[in-house]
Amino acid sequence: MPITVIGAGLAGCEAAWQIAQNGEEAVLIEMKPQKYTPAHKSPTFAELICSNSLKAERVTSAAGLLKEEMYRMGSLLVPCALQTRVPAGGALAVDRVKFSALVTEKIHQNVNIHCVEQECTEIPESGITVIATGPLTSDALAAKIEHLCGDSLRFYDAAAPIITAESLDRDRIFAASRYGKGEGEDYLNCPMNREEYENFYTELVHAQRAPLHGCDVQDPKVYEGCMPIEVMAQRGPDTIRFGPLKPVGLRDPHTGHRPWAVVQLRRE
């Protein structure tokens, strides 16, 4: 009996691939292109909604070790990422359009994977089912999952903005990777001195916020691994300066010194 996989994101595609590679049949159900969420833009599988980075490559990190283990176990995603990578210092980042297209092509070429393009509103009662719909689960299926699991579903995440290159002041920024990793100039760095950072921080913590929805209004539970920067900033003036805006491993060629804080922009 085929194994059902609901959702053709990263987890769903990898699950269907592993099932197929082990000689079993997989039915991969994906609601796109029949139905999209507000975050979806592409009809392809493994669409990267937020960041195009798959995190660190070094095997001494949890993310790097996981990718190495997946690669050795015949992963679909890791080889596709390596084929479509873009410079990102010590991280593995991809061209999101090429990556998604390649994963989709590989899935469709696998004779053991049958793709069904329709919204799944019911959880099959028989056989094995892998639910891999993640935070972009449709309302109908989310209600079914909640019925099974109780009122325990939460998702409070951050979205990485995309900035156009022509909007950058090239006289202020500089190209470099932390500690010269990768090709050495994989990121565009927007440095701040202390006064600029303190002004930025003040504006950030007092800025207008997007409204919360559903259960997040009464009981917001923040995912610590991908926290909105305005929430992180509320933990103290230096929290983001020692987090995503940390200047370590960088030296501003315009001043010859390490910036007080820096915003790193990764190539798309």
C-alpha atoms as a PDB file:
ATOM      1  CA  MET A   1       0.000   0.000   0.000  1.00  0.00           C
ATOM      2  CA  PRO A   2       1.467   3.410  -0.946  1.00  0.00           C
ATOM      3  CA  ILE A   3       2.589   5.738   1.832  1.00  0.00           C
ATOM      4  CA  THR A   4       0.855   9.113   1.765  1.00  0.00           C
ATOM      5  CA  VAL A   5       2.870  12.298   2.228  1.00  0.00           C
ATOM      6  CA  ILE A   6       0.891  15.517   2.638  1.00  0.00           C
ATOM      7  CA  GLY A   7       2.790  18.662   1.691  1.00  0.00           C
ATOM      8  CA  ALA A   8       5.548  19.094  -0.899  1.00  0.00           C
ATOM      9  CA  GLY A   9       7.754  21.463   1.036  1.00  0.00           C
ATOM     10  CA  LEU A  10      11.278  20.577   2.142  1.00  0.00           C
ATOM     11  CA  ALA A  11      10.232  17.880   4.620  1.00  0.00           C
ATOM     12  CA  GLY A  12       7.533  16.393   2.394  1.00  0.00           C
ATOM     13  CA  CYS A  13       9.773  16.136  -0.664  1.00  0.00           C
ATOM     14  CA  GLU A  14      12.576  14.536   1.342  1.00  0.00           C
ATOM     15  CA  ALA A  15      10.140  12.096   2.974  1.00  0.00           C
ATOM     16  CA  ALA A  16       8.630  11.052  -0.370  1.00  0.00           C
ATOM     17  CA  TRP A  17      12.121  10.665  -1.865  1.00  0.00           C
ATOM     18  CA  GLN A  18      13.369   8.469   0.978  1.00  0.00           C
ATOM     19  CA  ILE A  19      10.248   6.298   0.759  1.00  0.00           C
ATOM     20  CA  ALA A  20      10.751   5.890  -2.989  1.00  0.00           C
ATOM     21  CA  GLN A  21      14.478   5.209  -2.680  1.00  0.00           C
ATOM     22  CA  ASN A  22      13.669   2.359  -0.305  1.00  0.00           C
ATOM     23  CA  GLY A  23      11.510   0.681  -2.932  1.00  0.00           C
ATOM     24  CA  GLU A  24       8.114   1.765  -1.639  1.00  0.00           C
ATOM     25  CA  GLU A  25       5.478   3.816  -3.438  1.00  0.00           C
ATOM     26  CA  ALA A  26       4.734   7.326  -2.208  1.00  0.00           C
ATOM     27  CA  VAL A  27       1.716   9.510  -2.929  1.00  0.00           C
ATOM     28  CA  LEU A  28       2.760  13.146  -2.531  1.00  0.00           C
ATOM     29  CA  ILE A  29      -0.201  15.497  -2.081  1.00  0.00           C
ATOM     30  CA  GLU A  30       0.343  19.231  -2.643  1.00  0.00           C
ATOM     31  CA  MET A  31      -2.398  21.859  -2.867  1.00  0.00           C
ATOM     32  CA  LYS A  32      -0.419  24.126  -5.208  1.00  0.00           C
ATOM     33  CA  PRO A  33      -1.086  25.255  -7.894  1.00  0.00           C
ATOM     34  CA  GLN A  34      -4.773  24.645  -7.162  1.00  0.00           C
ATOM     35  CA  LYS A  35      -4.582  26.676  -3.960  1.00  0.00           C
ATOM     36  CA  TYR A  36      -2.011  29.091  -2.538  1.00  0.00           C
ATOM     37  CA  THR A  37      -1.517  30.702   0.848  1.00  0.00           C
ATOM     38  CA  PRO A  38      -0.653  34.440   0.937  1.00  0.00           C
ATOM     39  CA  ALA A  39       3.012  33.447   1.388  1.00  0.00           C
ATOM     40  CA  HIS A  40       3.235  31.107  -1.611  1.00  0.00           C
ATOM     41  CA  LYS A  41       4.371  32.541  -4.946  1.00  0.00           C
ATOM     42  CA  SER A  42       5.574  29.589  -7.026  1.00  0.00           C
ATOM     43  CA  PRO A  43       3.810  26.414  -8.218  1.00  0.00           C
ATOM     44  CA  THR A  44       6.983  24.379  -7.684  1.00  0.00           C
ATOM     45  CA  PHE A  45       7.811  22.062  -4.781  1.00  0.00           C
ATOM     46  CA  ALA A  46      10.241  22.891  -1.944  1.00  0.00           C
ATOM     47  CA  GLU A  47       9.485  26.597  -2.264  1.00  0.00           C
ATOM     48  CA  LEU A  48      11.640  28.649   0.098  1.00  0.00           C
ATOM     49  CA  ILE A  49       9.244  31.202   1.549  1.00  0.00           C
ATOM     50  CA  CYS A  50      11.665  32.961   3.871  1.00  0.00           C
ATOM     51  CA  SER A  51      15.449  32.660   3.887  1.00  0.00           C
ATOM     52  CA  ASN A  52      17.434  31.055   1.076  1.00  0.00           C
ATOM     53  CA  SER A  53      20.010  29.795   3.580  1.00  0.00           C
ATOM     54  CA  LEU A  54      20.189  26.212   4.825  1.00  0.00           C
ATOM     55  CA  LYS A  55      22.551  27.370   7.570  1.00  0.00           C
ATOM     56  CA  ALA A  56      26.141  26.395   8.374  1.00  0.00           C
ATOM     57  CA  GLU A  57      28.076  23.773   6.425  1.00  0.00           C
ATOM     58  CA  ARG A  58      30.686  22.914   9.051  1.00  0.00           C
ATOM     59  CA  VAL A  59      30.027  19.473  10.509  1.00  0.00           C
ATOM     60  CA  THR A  60      30.858  20.711  14.006  1.00  0.00           C
ATOM     61  CA  SER A  61      27.533  22.582  13.961  1.00  0.00           C
ATOM     62  CA  ALA A  62      24.142  20.897  14.345  1.00  0.00           C
ATOM     63  CA  ALA A  63      22.942  22.200  10.958  1.00  0.00           C
ATOM     64  CA  GLY A  64      26.115  21.116   9.182  1.00  0.00           C
ATOM     65  CA  LEU A  65      26.098  17.669  10.770  1.00  0.00           C
ATOM     66  CA  LEU A  66      22.456  17.152   9.795  1.00  0.00           C
ATOM     67  CA  LYS A  67      23.181  17.999   6.154  1.00  0.00           C
ATOM     68  CA  GLU A  68      26.171  15.647   6.104  1.00  0.00           C
ATOM     69  CA  GLU A  69      24.075  12.822   7.561  1.00  0.00           C
ATOM     70  CA  MET A  70      21.316  13.474   5.029  1.00  0.00           C
ATOM     71  CA  TYR A  71      23.824  13.484   2.169  1.00  0.00           C
ATOM     72  CA  ARG A  72      25.249  10.121   3.229  1.00  0.00           C
ATOM     73  CA  MET A  73      21.734   8.679   3.451  1.00  0.00           C
ATOM     74  CA  GLY A  74      20.923   9.555  -0.157  1.00  0.00           C
ATOM     75  CA  SER A  75      19.172  12.863   0.419  1.00  0.00           C
ATOM     76  CA  LEU A  76      17.300  14.641  -2.358  1.00  0.00           C
ATOM     77  CA  LEU A  77      17.565  18.152  -0.948  1.00  0.00           C
ATOM     78  CA  VAL A  78      21.251  18.399  -0.090  1.00  0.00           C
ATOM     79  CA  PRO A  79      22.597  17.522  -3.579  1.00  0.00           C
ATOM     80  CA  CYS A  80      20.016  19.881  -5.114  1.00  0.00           C
ATOM     81  CA  ALA A  81      21.196  22.628  -2.762  1.00  0.00           C
ATOM     82  CA  LEU A  82      24.838  22.001  -3.667  1.00  0.00           C
ATOM     83  CA  GLN A  83      23.998  22.237  -7.377  1.00  0.00           C
ATOM     84  CA  THR A  84      22.150  25.544  -6.989  1.00  0.00           C
ATOM     85  CA  ARG A  85      24.229  27.198  -4.274  1.00  0.00           C
ATOM     86  CA  VAL A  86      25.168  30.873  -4.170  1.00  0.00           C
ATOM     87  CA  PRO A  87      28.097  32.384  -2.217  1.00  0.00           C
ATOM     88  CA  ALA A  88      27.260  32.666   1.494  1.00  0.00           C
ATOM     89  CA  GLY A  89      30.470  32.447   3.500  1.00  0.00           C
ATOM     90  CA  GLY A  90      30.375  29.399   5.760  1.00  0.00           C
ATOM     91  CA  ALA A  91      26.689  28.726   5.079  1.00  0.00           C
ATOM     92  CA  LEU A  92      24.941  26.756   2.350  1.00  0.00           C
ATOM     93  CA  ALA A  93      22.591  29.165   0.569  1.00  0.00           C
ATOM     94  CA  VAL A  94      20.789  28.551  -2.706  1.00  0.00           C
ATOM     95  CA  ASP A  95      19.203  30.273  -5.657  1.00  0.00           C
ATOM     96  CA  ARG A  96      15.659  29.665  -4.449  1.00  0.00           C
ATOM     97  CA  VAL A  97      14.102  29.521  -7.940  1.00  0.00           C
ATOM     98  CA  LYS A  98      16.654  27.063  -9.352  1.00  0.00           C
ATOM     99  CA  PHE A  99      16.621  24.969  -6.173  1.00  0.00           C
ATOM    100  CA  SER A 100      12.855  24.588  -6.133  1.00  0.00           C
ATOM    101  CA  ALA A 101      12.733  23.815  -9.856  1.00  0.00           C
ATOM    102  CA  LEU A 102      15.410  21.125  -9.525  1.00  0.00           C
ATOM    103  CA  VAL A 103      13.684  19.437  -6.579  1.00  0.00           C
ATOM    104  CA  THR A 104      10.381  19.459  -8.489  1.00  0.00           C
ATOM    105  CA  GLU A 105      12.047  17.935 -11.547  1.00  0.00           C
ATOM    106  CA  LYS A 106      13.650  15.144  -9.488  1.00  0.00           C
ATOM    107  CA  ILE A 107      10.356  14.328  -7.760  1.00  0.00           C
ATOM    108  CA  HIS A 108       8.448  14.108 -11.048  1.00  0.00           C
ATOM    109  CA  GLN A 109      11.147  11.894 -12.567  1.00  0.00           C
ATOM    110  CA  ASN A 110      10.941   9.332  -9.754  1.00  0.00           C
ATOM    111  CA  VAL A 111       8.652   6.504 -10.876  1.00  0.00           C
ATOM    112  CA  ASN A 112       7.878   5.524  -7.276  1.00  0.00           C
ATOM    113  CA  ILE A 113       6.381   8.933  -6.450  1.00  0.00           C
ATOM    114  CA  HIS A 114       2.852   9.782  -7.596  1.00  0.00           C
ATOM    115  CA  CYS A 115       2.068  13.494  -7.267  1.00  0.00           C
ATOM    116  CA  VAL A 116      -1.474  14.674  -6.567  1.00  0.00           C
ATOM    117  CA  GLU A 117      -2.084  18.404  -6.981  1.00  0.00           C
ATOM    118  CA  GLN A 118      -5.090  19.134  -4.802  1.00  0.00           C
ATOM    119  CA  GLU A 119      -5.853  20.379  -1.319  1.00  0.00           C
ATOM    120  CA  CYS A 120      -5.941  17.651   1.302  1.00  0.00           C
ATOM    121  CA  THR A 121      -8.787  18.301   3.743  1.00  0.00           C
ATOM    122  CA  GLU A 122      -8.922  14.890   5.427  1.00  0.00           C
ATOM    123  CA  ILE A 123      -6.280  12.736   7.105  1.00  0.00           C
ATOM    124  CA  PRO A 124      -6.411   9.176   5.705  1.00  0.00           C
ATOM    125  CA  GLU A 125      -7.726   6.697   8.256  1.00  0.00           C
ATOM    126  CA  SER A 126      -5.798   3.712   6.889  1.00  0.00           C
ATOM    127  CA  GLY A 127      -2.194   3.152   5.921  1.00  0.00           C
ATOM    128  CA  ILE A 128       0.825   5.277   6.813  1.00  0.00           C
ATOM    129  CA  THR A 129       0.532   9.047   6.422  1.00  0.00           C
ATOM    130  CA  VAL A 130       3.288  11.627   6.812  1.00  0.00           C
ATOM    131  CA  ILE A 131       1.901  15.106   7.497  1.00  0.00           C
ATOM    132  CA  ALA A 132       4.546  17.599   6.362  1.00  0.00           C
ATOM    133  CA  THR A 133       2.512  20.740   5.753  1.00  0.00           C
ATOM    134  CA  GLY A 134       4.330  22.930   8.268  1.00  0.00           C
ATOM    135  CA  PRO A 135       3.195  26.449   9.186  1.00  0.00           C
ATOM    136  CA  LEU A 136       1.438  26.985   5.834  1.00  0.00           C
ATOM    137  CA  THR A 137      -1.129  24.257   6.447  1.00  0.00           C
ATOM    138  CA  SER A 138      -4.520  25.097   4.950  1.00  0.00           C
ATOM    139  CA  ASP A 139      -7.306  25.953   7.388  1.00  0.00           C
ATOM    140  CA  ALA A 140      -9.285  22.792   6.666  1.00  0.00           C
ATOM    141  CA  LEU A 141      -6.370  20.426   7.296  1.00  0.00           C
ATOM    142  CA  ALA A 142      -5.194  22.424  10.315  1.00  0.00           C
ATOM    143  CA  ALA A 143      -8.620  21.900  11.877  1.00  0.00           C
ATOM    144  CA  LYS A 144      -8.300  18.133  11.359  1.00  0.00           C
ATOM    145  CA  ILE A 145      -4.814  18.075  12.887  1.00  0.00           C
ATOM    146  CA  GLU A 146      -6.005  20.141  15.835  1.00  0.00           C
ATOM    147  CA  HIS A 147      -8.877  17.704  16.354  1.00  0.00           C
ATOM    148  CA  LEU A 148      -6.336  14.883  16.656  1.00  0.00           C
ATOM    149  CA  CYS A 149      -3.729  16.724  18.720  1.00  0.00           C
ATOM    150  CA  GLY A 150      -5.814  19.129  20.769  1.00  0.00           C
ATOM    151  CA  ASP A 151      -5.286  22.862  21.092  1.00  0.00           C
ATOM    152  CA  SER A 152      -1.495  22.668  20.925  1.00  0.00           C
ATOM    153  CA  LEU A 153      -0.583  24.082  17.513  1.00  0.00           C
ATOM    154  CA  ARG A 154       1.482  27.264  17.525  1.00  0.00           C
ATOM    155  CA  PHE A 155       3.471  29.158  14.935  1.00  0.00           C
ATOM    156  CA  TYR A 156       4.994  32.570  15.560  1.00  0.00           C
ATOM    157  CA  ASP A 157       7.831  33.186  13.155  1.00  0.00           C
ATOM    158  CA  ALA A 158       9.843  35.931  11.514  1.00  0.00           C
ATOM    159  CA  ALA A 159      10.093  36.701   7.799  1.00  0.00           C
ATOM    160  CA  ALA A 160      13.385  37.739   6.205  1.00  0.00           C
ATOM    161  CA  PRO A 161      12.969  40.868   4.046  1.00  0.00           C
ATOM    162  CA  ILE A 162      14.348  41.025   0.511  1.00  0.00           C
ATOM    163  CA  ILE A 163      16.152  44.275  -0.334  1.00  0.00           C
ATOM    164  CA  THR A 164      16.809  45.395  -3.903  1.00  0.00           C
ATOM    165  CA  ALA A 165      20.442  46.079  -4.791  1.00  0.00           C
ATOM    166  CA  GLU A 166      19.728  49.492  -6.312  1.00  0.00           C
ATOM    167  CA  SER A 167      18.373  50.737  -2.970  1.00  0.00           C
ATOM    168  CA  LEU A 168      21.770  50.333  -1.282  1.00  0.00           C
ATOM    169  CA  ASP A 169      24.293  53.137  -0.764  1.00  0.00           C
ATOM    170  CA  ARG A 170      27.428  51.517  -2.173  1.00  0.00           C
ATOM    171  CA  ASP A 171      29.589  54.259  -0.677  1.00  0.00           C
ATOM    172  CA  ARG A 172      28.638  53.148   2.843  1.00  0.00           C
ATOM    173  CA  ILE A 173      28.492  49.359   2.634  1.00  0.00           C
ATOM    174  CA  PHE A 174      31.302  46.875   2.038  1.00  0.00           C
ATOM    175  CA  ALA A 175      31.559  43.307   0.756  1.00  0.00           C
ATOM    176  CA  ALA A 176      33.025  40.692   3.115  1.00  0.00           C
ATOM    177  CA  SER A 177      32.381  37.405   4.903  1.00  0.00           C
ATOM    178  CA  ARG A 178      33.015  36.882   8.598  1.00  0.00           C
ATOM    179  CA  TYR A 179      36.630  35.867   9.116  1.00  0.00           C
ATOM    180  CA  GLY A 180      37.056  35.710   5.322  1.00  0.00           C
ATOM    181  CA  LYS A 181      35.118  32.454   4.957  1.00  0.00           C
ATOM    182  CA  GLY A 182      33.781  31.245   1.616  1.00  0.00           C
ATOM    183  CA  GLU A 183      34.905  33.423  -1.265  1.00  0.00           C
ATOM    184  CA  GLY A 184      35.749  36.226   1.153  1.00  0.00           C
ATOM    185  CA  GLU A 185      33.217  38.776  -0.123  1.00  0.00           C
ATOM    186  CA  ASP A 186      29.986  36.802  -0.037  1.00  0.00           C
ATOM    187  CA  TYR A 187      27.906  39.322   1.953  1.00  0.00           C
ATOM    188  CA  LEU A 188      27.115  43.008   1.654  1.00  0.00           C
ATOM    189  CA  ASN A 189      27.608  44.571   5.076  1.00  0.00           C
ATOM    190  CA  CYS A 190      25.778  47.663   6.301  1.00  0.00           C
ATOM    191  CA  PRO A 191      27.839  48.985   9.232  1.00  0.00           C
ATOM    192  CA  MET A 192      26.594  51.149  12.105  1.00  0.00           C
ATOM    193  CA  ASN A 193      28.556  53.180  14.610  1.00  0.00           C
ATOM    194  CA  ARG A 194      27.313  53.393  18.188  1.00  0.00           C
ATOM    195  CA  GLU A 195      25.119  56.454  17.647  1.00  0.00           C
ATOM    196  CA  GLU A 196      23.548  54.997  14.499  1.00  0.00           C
ATOM    197  CA  TYR A 197      22.858  51.708  16.247  1.00  0.00           C
ATOM    198  CA  GLU A 198      21.260  53.359  19.278  1.00  0.00           C
ATOM    199  CA  ASN A 199      19.028  55.445  17.008  1.00  0.00           C
ATOM    200  CA  PHE A 200      18.087  52.313  15.058  1.00  0.00           C
ATOM    201  CA  TYR A 201      17.327  50.417  18.256  1.00  0.00           C
ATOM    202  CA  THR A 202      15.107  53.202  19.603  1.00  0.00           C
ATOM    203  CA  GLU A 203      13.117  53.377  16.365  1.00  0.00           C
ATOM    204  CA  LEU A 204      12.813  49.589  16.250  1.00  0.00           C
ATOM    205  CA  VAL A 205      11.380  49.076  19.733  1.00  0.00           C
ATOM    206  CA  HIS A 206       8.880  51.917  19.242  1.00  0.00           C
ATOM    207  CA  ALA A 207       7.889  51.044  15.670  1.00  0.00           C
ATOM    208  CA  GLN A 208       4.357  50.123  14.642  1.00  0.00           C
ATOM    209  CA  ARG A 209       3.889  46.350  14.537  1.00  0.00           C
ATOM    210  CA  ALA A 210       1.920  44.049  12.323  1.00  0.00           C
ATOM    211  CA  PRO A 211      -1.232  42.780  14.058  1.00  0.00           C
ATOM    212  CA  LEU A 212      -1.197  39.299  15.582  1.00  0.00           C
ATOM    213  CA  HIS A 213      -3.801  36.721  14.631  1.00  0.00           C
ATOM    214  CA  GLY A 214      -5.698  33.906  16.307  1.00  0.00           C
ATOM    215  CA  CYS A 215      -4.189  32.351  19.418  1.00  0.00           C
ATOM    216  CA  ASP A 216      -1.101  34.588  19.206  1.00  0.00           C
ATOM    217  CA  VAL A 217      -3.173  37.561  20.372  1.00  0.00           C
ATOM    218  CA  GLN A 218      -3.891  36.021  23.777  1.00  0.00           C
ATOM    219  CA  ASP A 219      -0.856  33.819  24.258  1.00  0.00           C
ATOM    220  CA  PRO A 220       2.032  34.540  21.863  1.00  0.00           C
ATOM    221  CA  LYS A 221       4.677  31.804  21.889  1.00  0.00           C
ATOM    222  CA  VAL A 222       7.815  32.849  20.053  1.00  0.00           C
ATOM    223  CA  TYR A 223       9.941  30.274  18.239  1.00  0.00           C
ATOM    224  CA  GLU A 224      13.400  30.913  19.671  1.00  0.00           C
ATOM    225  CA  GLY A 225      15.162  29.627  16.546  1.00  0.00           C
ATOM    226  CA  CYS A 226      13.705  32.302  14.251  1.00  0.00           C
ATOM    227  CA  MET A 227      12.589  35.192  16.404  1.00  0.00           C
ATOM    228  CA  PRO A 228      11.164  38.484  15.099  1.00  0.00           C
ATOM    229  CA  ILE A 229      13.846  41.118  15.585  1.00  0.00           C
ATOM    230  CA  GLU A 230      11.485  43.492  17.396  1.00  0.00           C
ATOM    231  CA  VAL A 231      10.742  40.773  19.963  1.00  0.00           C
ATOM    232  CA  MET A 232      14.440  40.013  20.388  1.00  0.00           C
ATOM    233  CA  ALA A 233      15.215  43.719  20.819  1.00  0.00           C
ATOM    234  CA  GLN A 234      12.842  43.942  23.776  1.00  0.00           C
ATOM    235  CA  ARG A 235      15.166  41.664  25.728  1.00  0.00           C
ATOM    236  CA  GLY A 236      17.751  44.425  25.987  1.00  0.00           C
ATOM    237  CA  PRO A 237      19.613  47.098  23.982  1.00  0.00           C
ATOM    238  CA  ASP A 238      22.550  44.818  23.172  1.00  0.00           C
ATOM    239  CA  THR A 239      20.635  41.604  22.440  1.00  0.00           C
ATOM    240  CA  ILE A 240      20.495  42.022  18.662  1.00  0.00           C
ATOM    241  CA  ARG A 241      24.025  43.459  18.603  1.00  0.00           C
ATOM    242  CA  PHE A 242      25.231  40.155  20.032  1.00  0.00           C
ATOM    243  CA  GLY A 243      22.802  38.246  17.802  1.00  0.00           C
ATOM    244  CA  PRO A 244      21.909  38.843  14.133  1.00  0.00           C
ATOM    245  CA  LEU A 245      23.645  42.247  14.020  1.00  0.00           C
ATOM    246  CA  LYS A 246      26.893  41.073  15.607  1.00  0.00           C
ATOM    247  CA  PRO A 247      29.990  42.668  14.013  1.00  0.00           C
ATOM    248  CA  VAL A 248      32.526  39.963  14.939  1.00  0.00           C
ATOM    249  CA  GLY A 249      34.860  38.788  12.193  1.00  0.00           C
ATOM    250  CA  LEU A 250      34.339  41.962  10.144  1.00  0.00           C
ATOM    251  CA  ARG A 251      36.356  45.130   9.630  1.00  0.00           C
ATOM    252  CA  ASP A 252      34.981  48.179   7.852  1.00  0.00           C
ATOM    253  CA  PRO A 253      37.527  49.181   5.160  1.00  0.00           C
ATOM    254  CA  HIS A 254      36.255  52.769   5.303  1.00  0.00           C
ATOM    255  CA  THR A 255      37.249  53.184   8.963  1.00  0.00           C
ATOM    256  CA  GLY A 256      39.718  50.368   9.528  1.00  0.00           C
ATOM    257  CA  HIS A 257      37.763  49.309  12.613  1.00  0.00           C
ATOM    258  CA  ARG A 258      35.147  46.746  13.538  1.00  0.00           C
ATOM    259  CA  PRO A 259      31.655  48.324  13.351  1.00  0.00           C
ATOM    260  CA  TRP A 260      29.531  48.695  16.478  1.00  0.00           C
ATOM    261  CA  ALA A 261      26.859  46.623  14.709  1.00  0.00           C
ATOM    262  CA  VAL A 262      26.292  45.385  11.171  1.00  0.00           C
ATOM    263  CA  VAL A 263      23.404  44.196   9.023  1.00  0.00           C
ATOM    264  CA  GLN A 264      24.567  41.452   6.649  1.00  0.00           C
ATOM    265  CA  LEU A 265      22.781  41.023   3.322  1.00  0.00           C
ATOM    266  CA  ARG A 266      23.083  37.675   1.572  1.00  0.00           C
ATOM    267  CA  ARG A 267      23.003  37.335  -2.198  1.00  0.00           C
ATOM    268  CA  GLU A 268      19.857  35.940  -3.821  1.00  0.00           C
END
